[in-house]
Amino acid sequence: MGLFDEDFFANCEDGDLSFRAQLAGYRCLYAPESIIYHMGSATFGKRSPTSVRLGTRNSLCLLVKNLPTPLVPGLLPFVLAGQLSRLIVTASTSTLRAHLEGLAGALRLLPLMLKKRREIQKRRRVPVGYVRRLLQESSRAAGTSVRRRLIRNLLSGLGS
């Protein structure tokens, strides 16, 4: 299944490795009692132009490389809606240019990612239904996390 993909450099490299591991039949376990200290965004800053550019580019490359073809039609509307919402958010900040550069970077890397995709999908050892369930669980967990952060931010704003 390989090591970290150097084309990702920063942002999404861990998700790419995990996705490929799952496709190859390895299990990635969630240990809720674990405590991990991660200096997230320490290199570029949370919403810096570099972080936005790489996050946009790499998140799209991750999907191109790893998403099994039968899942693409069902997930494409969500990917497009997510990109549209990111476009709207970045248009209201100083990171619109970085987002557009990330989209252009993903497009430039498309032939390379499609080549890598063929190899990854040839070695896939899990059924598409298994991947669909993983993505559904991940989506629910992400939604819960976003709601929790929004509530925490709202409550902290009311307290000041």
Protein backbone atom coordinates (compact mmCIF):
# COMPACT_ATOMS: atom_id res chain seq x y z
CA MET A 1 0.00 0.00 0.00
CA GLY A 2 3.04 2.26 0.24
CA LEU A 3 4.20 5.04 2.52
CA PHE A 4 3.11 8.65 2.81
CA ASP A 5 2.57 10.16 -0.63
CA GLU A 6 5.18 12.88 -1.10
CA ASP A 7 2.91 14.67 -3.57
CA PHE A 8 0.74 15.62 -0.60
CA PHE A 9 3.62 17.24 1.36
CA ALA A 10 1.29 18.60 4.06
CA ASN A 11 -2.47 18.42 4.61
CA CYS A 12 -4.40 15.17 4.08
CA GLU A 13 -1.30 12.95 3.90
CA ASP A 14 -2.47 11.02 6.96
CA GLY A 15 -5.99 10.63 5.54
CA ASP A 16 -4.56 9.39 2.26
CA LEU A 17 -2.41 6.78 4.02
CA SER A 18 -5.36 5.66 6.16
CA PHE A 19 -7.66 5.43 3.14
CA ARG A 20 -5.13 3.30 1.24
CA ALA A 21 -4.64 1.08 4.29
CA GLN A 22 -8.39 0.48 4.56
CA LEU A 23 -8.65 -0.27 0.84
CA ALA A 24 -5.80 -2.77 1.15
CA GLY A 25 -7.74 -4.59 3.87
CA TYR A 26 -6.01 -3.23 6.97
CA ARG A 27 -8.12 -2.04 9.84
CA CYS A 28 -7.72 1.43 11.26
CA LEU A 29 -8.95 1.46 14.81
CA TYR A 30 -10.52 4.27 16.77
CA ALA A 31 -9.42 4.41 20.39
CA PRO A 32 -11.57 7.08 22.08
CA GLU A 33 -9.64 6.84 25.34
CA SER A 34 -6.40 7.83 23.60
CA ILE A 35 -5.01 11.29 24.11
CA ILE A 36 -3.02 12.78 21.27
CA TYR A 37 -1.42 16.18 21.28
CA HIS A 38 -1.23 17.49 17.73
CA MET A 39 0.12 20.85 16.80
CA GLY A 40 -2.46 21.23 14.07
CA SER A 41 -1.76 24.04 11.65
CA ALA A 42 1.50 24.86 13.43
CA THR A 43 3.46 24.96 10.16
CA PHE A 44 1.30 27.30 8.07
CA GLY A 45 -1.43 28.58 10.38
CA LYS A 46 -5.06 27.50 10.46
CA ARG A 47 -6.44 29.51 7.56
CA SER A 48 -3.30 30.75 5.90
CA PRO A 49 -3.22 30.91 2.11
CA THR A 50 -0.74 28.00 2.03
CA SER A 51 -2.93 25.85 4.25
CA VAL A 52 -6.04 26.63 2.19
CA ARG A 53 -4.24 25.93 -1.10
CA LEU A 54 -2.78 22.62 0.05
CA GLY A 55 -5.97 21.57 1.84
CA THR A 56 -8.06 22.20 -1.28
CA ARG A 57 -5.62 20.49 -3.62
CA ASN A 58 -4.89 17.50 -1.43
CA SER A 59 -8.46 16.78 -0.36
CA LEU A 60 -9.46 16.51 -4.02
CA CYS A 61 -6.38 14.44 -4.87
CA LEU A 62 -7.19 12.09 -1.98
CA LEU A 63 -10.64 11.41 -3.43
CA VAL A 64 -9.37 11.00 -7.00
CA LYS A 65 -6.73 8.51 -5.83
CA ASN A 66 -8.75 6.44 -3.43
CA LEU A 67 -12.51 6.59 -3.93
CA PRO A 68 -13.80 3.41 -5.60
CA THR A 69 -15.50 4.20 -8.92
CA PRO A 70 -18.98 2.85 -7.95
CA LEU A 71 -19.12 5.42 -5.12
CA VAL A 72 -18.29 8.44 -7.29
CA PRO A 73 -21.80 9.18 -8.69
CA GLY A 74 -23.41 9.13 -5.24
CA LEU A 75 -20.72 11.26 -3.61
CA LEU A 76 -20.05 13.71 -6.42
CA PRO A 77 -22.96 16.05 -5.48
CA PHE A 78 -21.58 16.26 -1.92
CA VAL A 79 -18.05 16.96 -3.16
CA LEU A 80 -19.35 19.69 -5.47
CA ALA A 81 -21.49 21.19 -2.68
CA GLY A 82 -18.49 21.14 -0.37
CA GLN A 83 -16.34 22.88 -2.96
CA LEU A 84 -19.06 25.47 -3.57
CA SER A 85 -19.35 26.17 0.15
CA ARG A 86 -15.55 26.50 0.40
CA LEU A 87 -15.65 28.90 -2.53
CA ILE A 88 -18.26 31.02 -0.76
CA VAL A 89 -16.34 30.99 2.52
CA THR A 90 -13.00 31.82 0.91
CA ALA A 91 -14.63 34.57 -1.19
CA SER A 92 -15.55 36.32 2.06
CA THR A 93 -11.96 36.10 3.34
CA SER A 94 -8.52 36.76 1.95
CA THR A 95 -8.07 33.12 0.88
CA LEU A 96 -10.14 32.99 -2.32
CA ARG A 97 -7.02 33.12 -4.48
CA ALA A 98 -5.43 30.29 -2.45
CA HIS A 99 -8.56 28.16 -2.87
CA LEU A 100 -8.56 28.73 -6.63
CA GLU A 101 -4.84 27.90 -6.74
CA GLY A 102 -5.64 24.67 -4.87
CA LEU A 103 -8.28 23.76 -7.44
CA ALA A 104 -5.79 24.49 -10.24
CA GLY A 105 -3.15 22.41 -8.45
CA ALA A 106 -5.54 19.46 -8.18
CA LEU A 107 -6.27 19.77 -11.89
CA ARG A 108 -2.52 19.81 -12.71
CA LEU A 109 -2.02 16.68 -10.59
CA LEU A 110 -5.05 14.87 -12.06
CA PRO A 111 -3.11 12.71 -14.58
CA LEU A 112 -0.66 11.61 -11.87
CA MET A 113 -3.44 10.91 -9.35
CA LEU A 114 -5.37 8.87 -11.94
CA LYS A 115 -2.25 6.81 -12.57
CA LYS A 116 -1.83 6.19 -8.83
CA ARG A 117 -5.55 5.42 -8.61
CA ARG A 118 -5.27 2.55 -11.09
CA GLU A 119 -2.61 0.88 -8.91
CA ILE A 120 -4.49 1.49 -5.66
CA GLN A 121 -7.78 0.18 -7.03
CA LYS A 122 -6.04 -2.91 -8.49
CA ARG A 123 -4.84 -3.77 -4.97
CA ARG A 124 -8.15 -3.02 -3.23
CA ARG A 125 -9.13 -5.97 -1.04
CA VAL A 126 -12.37 -4.71 0.50
CA PRO A 127 -15.83 -4.53 -1.07
CA VAL A 128 -17.31 -1.18 -2.09
CA GLY A 129 -20.05 -1.54 0.55
CA TYR A 130 -17.40 -1.62 3.27
CA VAL A 131 -15.91 1.65 1.98
CA ARG A 132 -19.40 3.20 1.74
CA ARG A 133 -20.07 2.34 5.41
CA LEU A 134 -16.71 3.77 6.48
CA LEU A 135 -17.45 7.03 4.68
CA GLN A 136 -20.95 7.24 6.18
CA GLU A 137 -19.58 6.69 9.70
CA SER A 138 -16.84 9.24 9.10
CA SER A 139 -19.34 11.78 7.79
CA ARG A 140 -21.56 11.36 10.86
CA ALA A 141 -18.57 11.74 13.19
CA ALA A 142 -17.40 14.86 11.33
CA GLY A 143 -20.88 16.37 11.55
CA THR A 144 -20.97 15.72 15.29
CA SER A 145 -17.55 17.30 15.70
CA VAL A 146 -18.55 20.40 13.71
CA ARG A 147 -21.76 20.83 15.73
CA ARG A 148 -19.83 20.45 19.01
CA ARG A 149 -17.30 23.12 17.95
CA LEU A 150 -20.04 25.50 16.79
CA ILE A 151 -21.88 25.15 20.09
CA ARG A 152 -18.66 25.61 22.08
CA ASN A 153 -17.77 28.73 20.06
CA LEU A 154 -21.29 30.11 20.43
CA LEU A 155 -21.30 29.53 24.19
CA SER A 156 -17.83 31.04 24.62
CA GLY A 157 -18.99 34.09 22.64
CA LEU A 158 -22.02 34.51 24.91
CA GLY A 159 -19.84 34.33 28.01
CA SER A 160 -17.62 37.24 27.01
